[in-house]
Amino acid sequence: MANDYYTAPAAKQPLEIIRSSEYNTNNLATEAGFDKLPAQSQLNRSQYGNDTSTVATLYKITVPVLDVAYYEGLTVVFEAVLANTGTANIQINGGVIKELVDSGGTPLVVGNIFTGQIVTATYTSNLKFQIQFAADSATSAAIASTAAAEALSSETTASAALTEVQRIAALQDEVSLHFYRNS
C-alpha cells in the first residue's frame, strides 16, 4: 500500500519474525504520514457559525473552532441576520475583515444576501470569501431590479385602480343625485 501519506513495508506472513529496526522504521513512517495531514481545525473545513451582525455590510461570524488564521478552503455556513445593502465583508471570530464576493469573484450588490438566508462562504486563494449560492452579481442585480420594477408596477396599477374606483363612485353619486332630483 502506498499513497501521499504512507508507504507500507512488504507484507509479512503470520508468525513471521521481524527485526525491531524494521518495526521501528514502519512506526516512524506511519508517524511521518500523520505529520503530512492537515491540522485538525482544517479537517473540519465547513463550520456553522452564529451571525452577530449589527450592520448590513459586515457579517460577524463566530465558529466553534478556528485556531489558525484563515486558510484556503475554509468554509463557513451561517444564517444571515441582515440582508446586505451593497458590498459586504465578513469577520470570523474577531479576525481580519475580508471582502465577500459572488461566485464570479465580483463584489456583492444589494439583494445578494437576504435576511434569514443560509449563506456558505469559502476562503479562496484571492484572499476573499466567495459566496456559494449566488450565480453572479449581474444576475442578482437584474433579478432585484425586475422585482423592484414589478413592485412599482403593482403600486402604480393599484393607484390607477383606486383612482378608477373613486371616479366610478363619483359617477354613481352623480347618477343617484340626478335620479333623486328627477324622481
N, C-alpha and C. Protein backbone atom coordinates (compact mmCIF):
# COMPACT_ATOMS: atom_id res chain seq x y z
N MET A 1 0.85 -1.17 0.00
CA MET A 1 0.00 0.00 0.00
C MET A 1 0.89 1.24 0.00
N ALA A 2 0.60 2.17 -0.91
CA ALA A 2 1.34 3.42 -0.95
C ALA A 2 0.38 4.55 -1.32
N ASN A 3 0.57 5.71 -0.68
CA ASN A 3 -0.20 6.90 -1.01
C ASN A 3 0.63 8.12 -0.63
N ASP A 4 0.04 9.31 -0.65
CA ASP A 4 0.78 10.53 -0.34
C ASP A 4 1.23 10.60 1.11
N TYR A 5 0.62 9.77 1.96
CA TYR A 5 0.89 9.87 3.39
C TYR A 5 1.78 8.75 3.93
N TYR A 6 1.72 7.59 3.28
CA TYR A 6 2.39 6.43 3.89
C TYR A 6 2.67 5.37 2.83
N THR A 7 3.83 4.76 2.92
CA THR A 7 4.17 3.60 2.10
C THR A 7 4.42 2.44 3.04
N ALA A 8 3.62 1.41 2.91
CA ALA A 8 3.72 0.25 3.80
C ALA A 8 4.90 -0.63 3.40
N PRO A 9 5.53 -1.24 4.38
CA PRO A 9 6.60 -2.19 4.05
C PRO A 9 6.01 -3.46 3.44
N ALA A 10 6.85 -4.33 2.98
CA ALA A 10 6.38 -5.60 2.39
C ALA A 10 5.56 -6.36 3.42
N ALA A 11 4.54 -7.02 2.93
CA ALA A 11 3.65 -7.78 3.82
C ALA A 11 4.40 -8.93 4.48
N LYS A 12 4.05 -9.25 5.69
CA LYS A 12 4.65 -10.35 6.46
C LYS A 12 3.63 -11.46 6.61
N GLN A 13 4.12 -12.65 6.78
CA GLN A 13 3.26 -13.82 6.98
C GLN A 13 2.99 -13.98 8.48
N PRO A 14 1.86 -14.58 8.84
CA PRO A 14 1.59 -14.82 10.26
C PRO A 14 2.73 -15.60 10.92
N LEU A 15 3.06 -15.19 12.12
CA LEU A 15 4.11 -15.80 12.94
C LEU A 15 5.52 -15.60 12.39
N GLU A 16 5.66 -14.74 11.38
CA GLU A 16 6.99 -14.44 10.84
C GLU A 16 7.70 -13.49 11.80
N ILE A 17 8.95 -13.73 12.01
CA ILE A 17 9.74 -12.90 12.92
C ILE A 17 10.28 -11.70 12.14
N ILE A 18 10.16 -10.51 12.78
CA ILE A 18 10.71 -9.30 12.16
C ILE A 18 11.72 -8.68 13.12
N ARG A 19 12.62 -7.92 12.59
CA ARG A 19 13.62 -7.24 13.41
C ARG A 19 13.01 -5.96 13.99
N SER A 20 13.47 -5.57 15.14
CA SER A 20 12.96 -4.36 15.79
C SER A 20 13.22 -3.13 14.92
N SER A 21 14.32 -3.09 14.20
CA SER A 21 14.61 -1.93 13.34
C SER A 21 13.56 -1.80 12.24
N GLU A 22 13.10 -2.93 11.70
CA GLU A 22 12.06 -2.90 10.68
C GLU A 22 10.74 -2.41 11.28
N TYR A 23 10.42 -2.89 12.48
CA TYR A 23 9.22 -2.47 13.19
C TYR A 23 9.27 -0.97 13.49
N ASN A 24 10.42 -0.51 13.99
CA ASN A 24 10.57 0.92 14.31
C ASN A 24 10.51 1.79 13.06
N THR A 25 11.11 1.34 11.98
CA THR A 25 11.07 2.09 10.71
C THR A 25 9.62 2.23 10.25
N ASN A 26 8.86 1.15 10.37
CA ASN A 26 7.45 1.20 9.99
C ASN A 26 6.68 2.20 10.85
N ASN A 27 6.93 2.20 12.15
CA ASN A 27 6.26 3.16 13.05
C ASN A 27 6.64 4.59 12.70
N LEU A 28 7.91 4.83 12.38
CA LEU A 28 8.34 6.18 12.01
C LEU A 28 7.68 6.62 10.70
N ALA A 29 7.54 5.69 9.77
CA ALA A 29 6.87 6.01 8.50
C ALA A 29 5.40 6.35 8.73
N THR A 30 4.76 5.62 9.65
CA THR A 30 3.37 5.90 9.98
C THR A 30 3.25 7.28 10.61
N GLU A 31 4.14 7.59 11.52
CA GLU A 31 4.13 8.90 12.17
C GLU A 31 4.36 10.02 11.15
N ALA A 32 5.30 9.81 10.24
CA ALA A 32 5.58 10.81 9.19
C ALA A 32 4.35 11.01 8.31
N GLY A 33 3.61 9.93 8.06
CA GLY A 33 2.38 10.04 7.27
C GLY A 33 1.36 10.91 7.97
N PHE A 34 1.20 10.73 9.27
CA PHE A 34 0.26 11.57 10.03
C PHE A 34 0.72 13.03 10.07
N ASP A 35 2.01 13.26 10.08
CA ASP A 35 2.53 14.63 10.08
C ASP A 35 2.17 15.38 8.80
N LYS A 36 1.92 14.66 7.72
CA LYS A 36 1.56 15.29 6.45
C LYS A 36 0.09 15.70 6.40
N LEU A 37 -0.72 15.17 7.30
CA LEU A 37 -2.14 15.51 7.32
C LEU A 37 -2.33 16.97 7.75
N PRO A 38 -3.41 17.61 7.29
CA PRO A 38 -3.68 18.98 7.72
C PRO A 38 -4.00 19.04 9.21
N ALA A 39 -3.91 20.24 9.76
CA ALA A 39 -4.23 20.43 11.17
C ALA A 39 -5.69 20.04 11.42
N GLN A 40 -6.01 19.64 12.64
CA GLN A 40 -7.37 19.22 12.99
C GLN A 40 -8.39 20.28 12.62
N SER A 41 -8.06 21.57 12.83
CA SER A 41 -9.01 22.64 12.53
C SER A 41 -9.30 22.72 11.04
N GLN A 42 -8.35 22.27 10.20
CA GLN A 42 -8.57 22.31 8.76
C GLN A 42 -9.32 21.08 8.26
N LEU A 43 -9.34 20.02 9.05
CA LEU A 43 -10.10 18.84 8.66
C LEU A 43 -11.59 19.13 8.73
N ASN A 44 -12.00 20.00 9.64
CA ASN A 44 -13.39 20.42 9.76
C ASN A 44 -13.57 21.67 8.92
N ARG A 45 -13.44 21.56 7.61
CA ARG A 45 -13.44 22.73 6.74
C ARG A 45 -14.75 23.51 6.80
N SER A 46 -15.87 22.83 6.83
CA SER A 46 -17.14 23.53 6.86
C SER A 46 -17.63 23.63 8.29
N GLN A 47 -17.81 24.85 8.74
CA GLN A 47 -18.26 25.07 10.12
C GLN A 47 -19.48 25.98 10.11
N TYR A 48 -20.44 25.65 10.98
CA TYR A 48 -21.62 26.51 11.11
C TYR A 48 -21.31 27.57 12.16
N GLY A 49 -21.57 28.82 11.81
CA GLY A 49 -21.29 29.91 12.74
C GLY A 49 -22.52 30.74 13.02
N ASN A 50 -22.47 31.46 14.13
CA ASN A 50 -23.55 32.38 14.50
C ASN A 50 -23.22 33.78 13.99
N ASP A 51 -24.20 34.40 13.36
CA ASP A 51 -24.05 35.76 12.85
C ASP A 51 -24.52 36.74 13.92
N THR A 52 -23.62 37.61 14.36
CA THR A 52 -23.97 38.61 15.37
C THR A 52 -23.88 40.01 14.78
N SER A 53 -24.18 40.13 13.49
CA SER A 53 -24.07 41.40 12.78
C SER A 53 -25.03 42.44 13.33
N THR A 54 -24.56 43.68 13.32
CA THR A 54 -25.43 44.81 13.65
C THR A 54 -25.46 45.80 12.49
N VAL A 55 -24.66 45.52 11.46
CA VAL A 55 -24.58 46.37 10.27
C VAL A 55 -24.72 45.45 9.05
N ALA A 56 -25.48 45.87 8.04
CA ALA A 56 -25.74 45.02 6.88
C ALA A 56 -24.57 44.91 5.92
N THR A 57 -23.45 45.54 6.22
CA THR A 57 -22.29 45.45 5.33
C THR A 57 -21.14 44.68 5.96
N LEU A 58 -21.31 44.22 7.21
CA LEU A 58 -20.28 43.43 7.88
C LEU A 58 -20.93 42.27 8.63
N TYR A 59 -20.66 41.07 8.16
CA TYR A 59 -21.19 39.87 8.81
C TYR A 59 -20.15 39.38 9.81
N LYS A 60 -20.51 39.43 11.10
CA LYS A 60 -19.62 38.98 12.18
C LYS A 60 -20.04 37.58 12.57
N ILE A 61 -19.16 36.62 12.28
CA ILE A 61 -19.48 35.21 12.47
C ILE A 61 -18.61 34.62 13.57
N THR A 62 -19.22 33.82 14.43
CA THR A 62 -18.49 33.11 15.47
C THR A 62 -18.62 31.61 15.20
N VAL A 63 -17.47 30.94 15.03
CA VAL A 63 -17.46 29.49 14.82
C VAL A 63 -16.78 28.82 16.00
N PRO A 64 -17.09 27.55 16.26
CA PRO A 64 -16.51 26.89 17.43
C PRO A 64 -15.01 26.66 17.34
N VAL A 65 -14.49 26.37 16.13
CA VAL A 65 -13.07 26.05 16.01
C VAL A 65 -12.43 26.86 14.89
N LEU A 66 -11.50 27.71 15.23
CA LEU A 66 -10.66 28.39 14.25
C LEU A 66 -9.42 28.85 15.00
N ASP A 67 -8.48 27.92 15.19
CA ASP A 67 -7.31 28.23 16.00
C ASP A 67 -6.12 28.69 15.16
N VAL A 68 -6.33 28.84 13.86
CA VAL A 68 -5.29 29.36 12.97
C VAL A 68 -5.90 30.47 12.14
N ALA A 69 -5.07 31.17 11.41
CA ALA A 69 -5.57 32.23 10.53
C ALA A 69 -6.42 31.61 9.41
N TYR A 70 -7.11 32.45 8.65
CA TYR A 70 -7.89 31.95 7.53
C TYR A 70 -6.98 31.16 6.59
N TYR A 71 -7.50 30.13 5.99
CA TYR A 71 -6.74 29.32 5.06
C TYR A 71 -7.62 28.98 3.86
N GLU A 72 -6.99 28.77 2.72
CA GLU A 72 -7.73 28.46 1.51
C GLU A 72 -8.58 27.21 1.72
N GLY A 73 -9.85 27.32 1.39
CA GLY A 73 -10.77 26.20 1.56
C GLY A 73 -11.61 26.28 2.83
N LEU A 74 -11.26 27.19 3.75
CA LEU A 74 -12.06 27.35 4.96
C LEU A 74 -13.48 27.73 4.52
N THR A 75 -14.45 26.96 4.96
CA THR A 75 -15.84 27.21 4.59
C THR A 75 -16.65 27.46 5.85
N VAL A 76 -17.41 28.55 5.82
CA VAL A 76 -18.25 28.93 6.95
C VAL A 76 -19.69 29.03 6.45
N VAL A 77 -20.59 28.43 7.22
CA VAL A 77 -22.01 28.47 6.89
C VAL A 77 -22.70 29.24 8.01
N PHE A 78 -23.56 30.20 7.65
CA PHE A 78 -24.26 30.97 8.67
C PHE A 78 -25.61 31.43 8.14
N GLU A 79 -26.50 31.74 9.08
CA GLU A 79 -27.79 32.32 8.73
C GLU A 79 -27.67 33.83 8.89
N ALA A 80 -27.89 34.54 7.80
CA ALA A 80 -27.72 36.00 7.81
C ALA A 80 -28.79 36.67 8.67
N VAL A 81 -28.33 37.51 9.59
CA VAL A 81 -29.24 38.27 10.44
C VAL A 81 -29.83 39.44 9.66
N LEU A 82 -29.03 40.01 8.77
CA LEU A 82 -29.45 41.17 7.99
C LEU A 82 -29.20 40.94 6.50
N ALA A 83 -30.04 41.52 5.65
CA ALA A 83 -29.81 41.49 4.21
C ALA A 83 -28.70 42.49 3.88
N ASN A 84 -27.89 42.15 2.88
CA ASN A 84 -26.82 43.08 2.53
C ASN A 84 -27.40 44.28 1.78
N THR A 85 -26.78 45.43 2.01
CA THR A 85 -27.24 46.67 1.38
C THR A 85 -26.23 47.17 0.35
N GLY A 86 -25.36 46.31 -0.09
CA GLY A 86 -24.32 46.65 -1.06
C GLY A 86 -23.14 45.73 -0.85
N THR A 87 -21.94 46.22 -1.16
CA THR A 87 -20.76 45.40 -0.94
C THR A 87 -20.72 45.00 0.53
N ALA A 88 -20.20 43.81 0.80
CA ALA A 88 -20.23 43.30 2.17
C ALA A 88 -18.90 42.64 2.52
N ASN A 89 -18.64 42.57 3.82
CA ASN A 89 -17.43 41.95 4.35
C ASN A 89 -17.82 40.92 5.39
N ILE A 90 -16.84 40.08 5.75
CA ILE A 90 -17.06 39.06 6.76
C ILE A 90 -15.89 39.06 7.74
N GLN A 91 -16.19 38.81 9.00
CA GLN A 91 -15.17 38.72 10.04
C GLN A 91 -15.50 37.49 10.88
N ILE A 92 -14.53 36.58 10.99
CA ILE A 92 -14.76 35.34 11.71
C ILE A 92 -13.96 35.34 13.01
N ASN A 93 -14.66 35.10 14.11
CA ASN A 93 -14.06 35.05 15.44
C ASN A 93 -13.18 36.26 15.73
N GLY A 94 -13.61 37.43 15.28
CA GLY A 94 -12.87 38.67 15.54
C GLY A 94 -11.60 38.81 14.74
N GLY A 95 -11.41 37.97 13.72
CA GLY A 95 -10.20 38.00 12.88
C GLY A 95 -10.23 39.16 11.90
N VAL A 96 -9.37 39.04 10.91
CA VAL A 96 -9.24 40.08 9.88
C VAL A 96 -10.53 40.15 9.07
N ILE A 97 -10.97 41.37 8.76
CA ILE A 97 -12.16 41.58 7.95
C ILE A 97 -11.79 41.33 6.49
N LYS A 98 -12.58 40.49 5.82
CA LYS A 98 -12.34 40.14 4.42
C LYS A 98 -13.58 40.42 3.59
N GLU A 99 -13.37 40.71 2.31
CA GLU A 99 -14.47 41.01 1.40
C GLU A 99 -15.24 39.75 1.03
N LEU A 100 -16.56 39.87 0.93
CA LEU A 100 -17.41 38.81 0.41
C LEU A 100 -17.65 39.09 -1.07
N VAL A 101 -17.47 38.07 -1.91
CA VAL A 101 -17.72 38.21 -3.35
C VAL A 101 -18.65 37.10 -3.80
N ASP A 102 -19.27 37.29 -4.98
CA ASP A 102 -20.15 36.25 -5.50
C ASP A 102 -19.31 35.15 -6.15
N SER A 103 -19.97 34.17 -6.73
CA SER A 103 -19.26 33.01 -7.29
C SER A 103 -18.38 33.38 -8.47
N GLY A 104 -18.60 34.55 -9.07
CA GLY A 104 -17.75 35.01 -10.17
C GLY A 104 -16.61 35.89 -9.70
N GLY A 105 -16.52 36.14 -8.37
CA GLY A 105 -15.46 36.98 -7.83
C GLY A 105 -15.80 38.46 -7.82
N THR A 106 -17.05 38.80 -8.14
CA THR A 106 -17.50 40.19 -8.19
C THR A 106 -18.04 40.61 -6.82
N PRO A 107 -17.75 41.84 -6.38
CA PRO A 107 -18.31 42.29 -5.09
C PRO A 107 -19.84 42.17 -5.09
N LEU A 108 -20.39 41.93 -3.91
CA LEU A 108 -21.84 41.77 -3.78
C LEU A 108 -22.57 43.07 -4.08
N VAL A 109 -23.82 42.92 -4.50
CA VAL A 109 -24.70 44.07 -4.72
C VAL A 109 -25.92 43.88 -3.82
N VAL A 110 -26.71 44.92 -3.71
CA VAL A 110 -27.92 44.86 -2.89
C VAL A 110 -28.76 43.65 -3.28
N GLY A 111 -29.16 42.87 -2.30
CA GLY A 111 -30.03 41.74 -2.57
C GLY A 111 -29.35 40.40 -2.75
N ASN A 112 -28.01 40.35 -2.73
CA ASN A 112 -27.34 39.05 -2.84
C ASN A 112 -27.60 38.19 -1.62
N ILE A 113 -27.69 38.81 -0.45
CA ILE A 113 -27.95 38.08 0.79
C ILE A 113 -29.24 38.62 1.39
N PHE A 114 -30.14 37.71 1.74
CA PHE A 114 -31.42 38.07 2.32
C PHE A 114 -31.44 37.75 3.82
N THR A 115 -32.24 38.45 4.57
CA THR A 115 -32.40 38.16 5.99
C THR A 115 -32.91 36.73 6.15
N GLY A 116 -32.25 35.97 7.01
CA GLY A 116 -32.65 34.59 7.27
C GLY A 116 -32.09 33.58 6.28
N GLN A 117 -31.36 34.04 5.30
CA GLN A 117 -30.80 33.13 4.29
C GLN A 117 -29.60 32.37 4.85
N ILE A 118 -29.49 31.09 4.51
CA ILE A 118 -28.32 30.30 4.88
C ILE A 118 -27.26 30.59 3.83
N VAL A 119 -26.12 31.10 4.28
CA VAL A 119 -25.04 31.52 3.38
C VAL A 119 -23.83 30.61 3.59
N THR A 120 -23.22 30.19 2.49
CA THR A 120 -21.98 29.41 2.54
C THR A 120 -20.90 30.26 1.91
N ALA A 121 -19.85 30.54 2.68
CA ALA A 121 -18.74 31.36 2.20
C ALA A 121 -17.44 30.58 2.34
N THR A 122 -16.64 30.54 1.27
CA THR A 122 -15.38 29.80 1.26
C THR A 122 -14.23 30.75 1.01
N TYR A 123 -13.19 30.64 1.84
CA TYR A 123 -12.00 31.47 1.68
C TYR A 123 -11.21 30.97 0.49
N THR A 124 -10.85 31.87 -0.41
CA THR A 124 -10.20 31.49 -1.66
C THR A 124 -8.76 32.01 -1.73
N SER A 125 -8.08 31.59 -2.78
CA SER A 125 -6.68 31.99 -2.97
C SER A 125 -6.53 33.49 -3.25
N ASN A 126 -7.63 34.17 -3.64
CA ASN A 126 -7.54 35.61 -3.86
C ASN A 126 -7.81 36.41 -2.59
N LEU A 127 -7.74 35.71 -1.42
CA LEU A 127 -7.84 36.31 -0.09
C LEU A 127 -9.20 36.96 0.17
N LYS A 128 -10.25 36.38 -0.39
CA LYS A 128 -11.61 36.83 -0.18
C LYS A 128 -12.49 35.63 0.14
N PHE A 129 -13.65 35.89 0.72
CA PHE A 129 -14.61 34.83 0.94
C PHE A 129 -15.62 34.86 -0.20
N GLN A 130 -15.77 33.72 -0.85
CA GLN A 130 -16.66 33.63 -2.00
C GLN A 130 -17.97 32.97 -1.58
N ILE A 131 -19.08 33.65 -1.88
CA ILE A 131 -20.41 33.14 -1.58
C ILE A 131 -20.73 32.03 -2.59
N GLN A 132 -21.27 30.92 -2.12
CA GLN A 132 -21.51 29.78 -2.99
C GLN A 132 -22.88 29.77 -3.64
N PHE A 133 -23.83 30.56 -3.13
CA PHE A 133 -25.20 30.45 -3.61
C PHE A 133 -25.51 31.34 -4.80
N ALA A 134 -24.84 32.49 -4.92
CA ALA A 134 -25.21 33.48 -5.94
C ALA A 134 -24.60 33.13 -7.29
N ALA A 135 -25.40 33.21 -8.34
CA ALA A 135 -24.88 32.94 -9.68
C ALA A 135 -23.85 34.00 -10.03
N ASP A 136 -24.21 35.24 -9.94
CA ASP A 136 -23.27 36.35 -10.08
C ASP A 136 -24.00 37.64 -9.76
N SER A 137 -23.26 38.70 -9.54
CA SER A 137 -23.87 39.96 -9.13
C SER A 137 -24.76 40.55 -10.20
N ALA A 138 -24.38 40.40 -11.47
CA ALA A 138 -25.19 40.97 -12.54
C ALA A 138 -26.56 40.30 -12.57
N THR A 139 -26.58 38.98 -12.45
CA THR A 139 -27.85 38.26 -12.43
C THR A 139 -28.67 38.67 -11.22
N SER A 140 -28.03 38.71 -10.05
CA SER A 140 -28.74 39.10 -8.82
C SER A 140 -29.28 40.51 -8.94
N ALA A 141 -28.48 41.41 -9.50
CA ALA A 141 -28.92 42.79 -9.67
C ALA A 141 -30.11 42.85 -10.63
N ALA A 142 -30.06 42.05 -11.70
CA ALA A 142 -31.16 42.03 -12.66
C ALA A 142 -32.44 41.51 -12.00
N ILE A 143 -32.30 40.46 -11.20
CA ILE A 143 -33.47 39.90 -10.50
C ILE A 143 -34.03 40.93 -9.52
N ALA A 144 -33.15 41.58 -8.75
CA ALA A 144 -33.60 42.59 -7.80
C ALA A 144 -34.26 43.75 -8.52
N SER A 145 -33.68 44.16 -9.65
CA SER A 145 -34.23 45.26 -10.43
C SER A 145 -35.62 44.90 -10.98
N THR A 146 -35.76 43.68 -11.49
CA THR A 146 -37.05 43.22 -12.01
C THR A 146 -38.09 43.18 -10.91
N ALA A 147 -37.70 42.67 -9.73
CA ALA A 147 -38.63 42.60 -8.60
C ALA A 147 -39.06 44.01 -8.19
N ALA A 148 -38.12 44.95 -8.17
CA ALA A 148 -38.45 46.34 -7.82
C ALA A 148 -39.39 46.94 -8.85
N ALA A 149 -39.14 46.67 -10.15
CA ALA A 149 -40.00 47.19 -11.21
C ALA A 149 -41.40 46.62 -11.10
N GLU A 150 -41.49 45.31 -10.79
CA GLU A 150 -42.80 44.69 -10.63
C GLU A 150 -43.55 45.29 -9.45
N ALA A 151 -42.83 45.53 -8.36
CA ALA A 151 -43.46 46.13 -7.18
C ALA A 151 -43.96 47.53 -7.51
N LEU A 152 -43.14 48.29 -8.23
CA LEU A 152 -43.52 49.65 -8.63
C LEU A 152 -44.71 49.59 -9.57
N SER A 153 -44.69 48.65 -10.51
CA SER A 153 -45.78 48.48 -11.46
C SER A 153 -47.07 48.12 -10.71
N SER A 154 -46.97 47.23 -9.74
CA SER A 154 -48.14 46.83 -8.94
C SER A 154 -48.68 48.03 -8.18
N GLU A 155 -47.75 48.84 -7.63
CA GLU A 155 -48.16 50.02 -6.88
C GLU A 155 -48.86 51.01 -7.81
N THR A 156 -48.30 51.19 -9.02
CA THR A 156 -48.89 52.10 -9.99
C THR A 156 -50.26 51.59 -10.41
N THR A 157 -50.36 50.29 -10.67
CA THR A 157 -51.64 49.67 -11.06
C THR A 157 -52.65 49.83 -9.93
N ALA A 158 -52.23 49.61 -8.70
CA ALA A 158 -53.13 49.76 -7.56
C ALA A 158 -53.60 51.20 -7.44
N SER A 159 -52.69 52.14 -7.66
CA SER A 159 -53.04 53.56 -7.59
C SER A 159 -54.04 53.91 -8.69
N ALA A 160 -53.79 53.40 -9.90
CA ALA A 160 -54.70 53.66 -11.02
C ALA A 160 -56.07 53.04 -10.75
N ALA A 161 -56.07 51.84 -10.19
CA ALA A 161 -57.33 51.16 -9.88
C ALA A 161 -58.11 51.96 -8.83
N LEU A 162 -57.40 52.46 -7.82
CA LEU A 162 -58.05 53.25 -6.79
C LEU A 162 -58.66 54.51 -7.41
N THR A 163 -57.94 55.17 -8.30
CA THR A 163 -58.43 56.37 -8.98
C THR A 163 -59.69 56.03 -9.78
N GLU A 164 -59.67 54.89 -10.47
CA GLU A 164 -60.82 54.45 -11.26
C GLU A 164 -62.02 54.17 -10.36
N VAL A 165 -61.81 53.52 -9.24
CA VAL A 165 -62.89 53.25 -8.29
C VAL A 165 -63.47 54.56 -7.78
N GLN A 166 -62.59 55.50 -7.46
CA GLN A 166 -63.07 56.79 -6.98
C GLN A 166 -63.89 57.50 -8.07
N ARG A 167 -63.46 57.40 -9.34
CA ARG A 167 -64.18 58.03 -10.45
C ARG A 167 -65.56 57.39 -10.61
N ILE A 168 -65.60 56.05 -10.52
CA ILE A 168 -66.87 55.34 -10.67
C ILE A 168 -67.81 55.70 -9.51
N ALA A 169 -67.25 55.78 -8.31
CA ALA A 169 -68.07 56.16 -7.15
C ALA A 169 -68.64 57.55 -7.34
N ALA A 170 -67.84 58.47 -7.86
CA ALA A 170 -68.31 59.84 -8.10
C ALA A 170 -69.43 59.83 -9.15
N LEU A 171 -69.27 59.01 -10.20
CA LEU A 171 -70.32 58.91 -11.24
C LEU A 171 -71.60 58.33 -10.64
N GLN A 172 -71.44 57.31 -9.78
CA GLN A 172 -72.62 56.72 -9.14
C GLN A 172 -73.34 57.76 -8.28
N ASP A 173 -72.55 58.58 -7.59
CA ASP A 173 -73.15 59.64 -6.77
C ASP A 173 -73.92 60.61 -7.66
N GLU A 174 -73.32 60.96 -8.82
CA GLU A 174 -74.00 61.88 -9.74
C GLU A 174 -75.29 61.27 -10.27
N VAL A 175 -75.23 59.98 -10.65
CA VAL A 175 -76.41 59.30 -11.17
C VAL A 175 -77.49 59.24 -10.08
N SER A 176 -77.06 58.90 -8.87
CA SER A 176 -78.02 58.83 -7.76
C SER A 176 -78.64 60.19 -7.51
N LEU A 177 -77.82 61.23 -7.51
CA LEU A 177 -78.31 62.57 -7.28
C LEU A 177 -79.26 62.99 -8.41
N HIS A 178 -78.87 62.68 -9.66
CA HIS A 178 -79.71 63.00 -10.81
C HIS A 178 -81.04 62.25 -10.72
N PHE A 179 -80.97 60.95 -10.38
CA PHE A 179 -82.15 60.12 -10.24
C PHE A 179 -83.04 60.65 -9.13
N TYR A 180 -82.44 61.08 -8.00
CA TYR A 180 -83.16 61.59 -6.87
C TYR A 180 -83.88 62.90 -7.22
N ARG A 181 -83.17 63.78 -7.95
CA ARG A 181 -83.75 65.07 -8.33
C ARG A 181 -84.92 64.88 -9.30
N ASN A 182 -84.80 63.87 -10.19
CA ASN A 182 -85.82 63.66 -11.21
C ASN A 182 -86.97 62.78 -10.71
N SER A 183 -86.90 62.29 -9.50
CA SER A 183 -87.99 61.45 -9.06
C SER A 183 -89.05 62.24 -8.33
